[in-house]
Amino acid sequence: MAKNSKSYKNILVIEDNHAILDVITLILQSEAYKVSGLNKSANMMDHIHAFQPDLMILDIMLPDADGRELLTQIRTNEKTADIPVLMISAKYTAQNIQHGSHKPNGFLAKPFDIDDLLDKIEGILAGKTYL
């Protein structure tokens, strides 16, 4: 994929570990993505409406919410239902993240390889699913 074809895509990262959030932010910014990060789910929907992400990276285990329940909120709101979501977790796997009827567009176990993260983001933005 040509580098300029993915320029200015907005990615919202919701991750409570500041070090991981910082690393993901730096990596994505170096790849010409616009990144916004939250370390908890409070005001998530307001932030989504303000930032208009093209993709979300959502940790499952947050201090104030279960990322799988947040996915349900995203998928059941007509304004956010079509936003692609890549879920990440150190505890869960692609086999046991299912929670309710809503599925993310992809899953990545922590710790993850930077190239795997970028490949999945590019693939999801191109319409692929990784589950």
Protein backbone atom coordinates (compact mmCIF):
# COMPACT_ATOMS: atom_id res chain seq x y z
CA MET A 1 0.00 0.00 0.00
CA ALA A 2 1.38 3.39 -0.94
CA LYS A 3 2.28 5.45 2.08
CA ASN A 4 0.24 8.50 1.04
CA SER A 5 -2.94 6.46 0.46
CA LYS A 6 -3.36 5.94 4.19
CA SER A 7 -2.49 9.48 5.22
CA TYR A 8 -4.82 11.29 7.54
CA LYS A 9 -6.84 8.26 8.61
CA ASN A 10 -8.05 8.83 12.16
CA ILE A 11 -7.40 6.06 14.68
CA LEU A 12 -8.82 6.15 18.19
CA VAL A 13 -6.92 4.03 20.72
CA ILE A 14 -8.52 3.11 24.04
CA GLU A 15 -5.85 1.48 26.21
CA ASP A 16 -5.34 1.94 29.97
CA ASN A 17 -1.61 1.11 29.99
CA HIS A 18 0.10 4.45 29.33
CA ALA A 19 3.30 2.86 27.96
CA ILE A 20 1.38 0.75 25.44
CA LEU A 21 -0.82 3.71 24.48
CA ASP A 22 2.27 5.88 23.94
CA VAL A 23 4.02 3.23 21.82
CA ILE A 24 0.94 2.60 19.65
CA THR A 25 0.48 6.37 19.23
CA LEU A 26 4.11 6.93 18.18
CA ILE A 27 4.06 3.99 15.75
CA LEU A 28 0.83 5.07 14.10
CA GLN A 29 1.87 8.72 13.88
CA SER A 30 5.11 7.65 12.20
CA GLU A 31 2.92 5.88 9.61
CA ALA A 32 0.98 9.11 8.89
CA TYR A 33 -2.14 8.26 10.89
CA LYS A 34 -3.85 10.84 13.08
CA VAL A 35 -4.16 9.29 16.53
CA SER A 36 -6.22 10.11 19.57
CA GLY A 37 -5.86 8.10 22.75
CA LEU A 38 -8.01 7.49 25.80
CA ASN A 39 -6.95 5.55 28.89
CA LYS A 40 -10.50 4.76 30.02
CA SER A 41 -13.93 4.51 28.47
CA ALA A 42 -15.52 7.56 30.11
CA ASN A 43 -16.90 9.91 27.44
CA MET A 44 -15.96 7.39 24.74
CA MET A 45 -19.02 8.08 22.58
CA ASP A 46 -18.52 11.86 22.80
CA HIS A 47 -14.89 11.38 21.80
CA ILE A 48 -15.88 9.16 18.87
CA HIS A 49 -18.33 11.77 17.59
CA ALA A 50 -15.75 14.56 17.92
CA PHE A 51 -12.77 12.67 16.45
CA GLN A 52 -14.60 10.64 13.76
CA PRO A 53 -12.20 7.67 13.79
CA ASP A 54 -11.73 5.55 10.68
CA LEU A 55 -10.70 2.69 12.98
CA MET A 56 -10.61 2.02 16.71
CA ILE A 57 -8.11 -0.02 18.71
CA LEU A 58 -9.90 -1.15 21.85
CA ASP A 59 -8.38 -2.89 24.86
CA ILE A 60 -10.71 -5.45 26.42
CA MET A 61 -9.63 -4.95 30.04
CA LEU A 62 -10.11 -1.32 31.02
CA PRO A 63 -10.31 0.03 34.59
CA ASP A 64 -13.85 1.32 34.13
CA ALA A 65 -15.34 -1.04 31.53
CA ASP A 66 -15.16 -4.29 29.60
CA GLY A 67 -14.06 -3.54 26.05
CA ARG A 68 -16.46 -6.18 24.74
CA GLU A 69 -19.37 -4.25 26.25
CA LEU A 70 -18.00 -1.06 24.70
CA LEU A 71 -17.96 -2.87 21.35
CA THR A 72 -21.66 -3.60 21.82
CA GLN A 73 -22.28 0.12 22.48
CA ILE A 74 -20.39 1.02 19.31
CA ARG A 75 -22.15 -1.60 17.15
CA THR A 76 -25.66 -0.78 18.40
CA ASN A 77 -25.39 2.97 17.74
CA GLU A 78 -26.26 3.74 14.12
CA LYS A 79 -23.71 6.59 13.99
CA THR A 80 -20.81 4.35 15.09
CA ALA A 81 -21.92 0.85 14.00
CA ASP A 82 -19.70 0.79 10.91
CA ILE A 83 -16.45 1.91 12.58
CA PRO A 84 -13.94 -0.94 12.27
CA VAL A 85 -12.64 -2.14 15.66
CA LEU A 86 -9.38 -3.99 16.39
CA MET A 87 -9.52 -5.45 19.90
CA ILE A 88 -6.35 -6.08 21.90
CA SER A 89 -5.81 -8.01 25.12
CA ALA A 90 -3.14 -9.68 27.20
CA LYS A 91 -5.64 -12.05 28.84
CA TYR A 92 -8.12 -12.97 26.13
CA THR A 93 -7.57 -14.77 22.84
CA ALA A 94 -9.35 -14.65 19.49
CA GLN A 95 -11.17 -17.82 20.59
CA ASN A 96 -12.60 -16.44 23.85
CA ILE A 97 -13.28 -12.76 23.17
CA GLN A 98 -16.79 -13.42 21.88
CA HIS A 99 -19.22 -11.66 24.22
CA GLY A 100 -22.70 -11.12 22.90
CA SER A 101 -23.53 -11.04 19.22
CA HIS A 102 -21.14 -8.28 18.14
CA LYS A 103 -17.72 -9.08 16.74
CA PRO A 104 -14.69 -6.86 16.24
CA ASN A 105 -13.01 -6.66 12.84
CA GLY A 106 -9.86 -8.14 14.28
CA PHE A 107 -8.03 -9.24 17.41
CA LEU A 108 -4.40 -8.92 18.47
CA ALA A 109 -2.93 -10.53 21.59
CA LYS A 110 -0.54 -8.49 23.74
CA PRO A 111 2.39 -8.33 23.58
CA PHE A 112 2.17 -7.87 19.82
CA ASP A 113 4.61 -7.38 17.02
CA ILE A 114 4.58 -3.87 15.53
CA ASP A 115 4.44 -5.24 11.98
CA ASP A 116 1.44 -7.41 12.91
CA LEU A 117 -0.32 -4.35 14.34
CA LEU A 118 0.30 -2.29 11.20
CA ASP A 119 -0.66 -5.17 8.88
CA LYS A 120 -3.95 -5.69 10.70
CA ILE A 121 -4.74 -1.97 10.72
CA GLU A 122 -4.07 -1.67 6.99
CA GLY A 123 -6.06 -4.83 6.28
CA ILE A 124 -9.04 -3.76 8.38
CA LEU A 125 -9.05 -0.33 6.74
CA ALA A 126 -9.09 -2.17 3.38
CA GLY A 127 -12.12 -4.18 4.48
CA LYS A 128 -10.55 -7.40 5.76
CA THR A 129 -11.51 -9.22 8.96
CA TYR A 130 -9.03 -11.00 11.23
CA LEU A 131 -10.80 -13.41 13.58
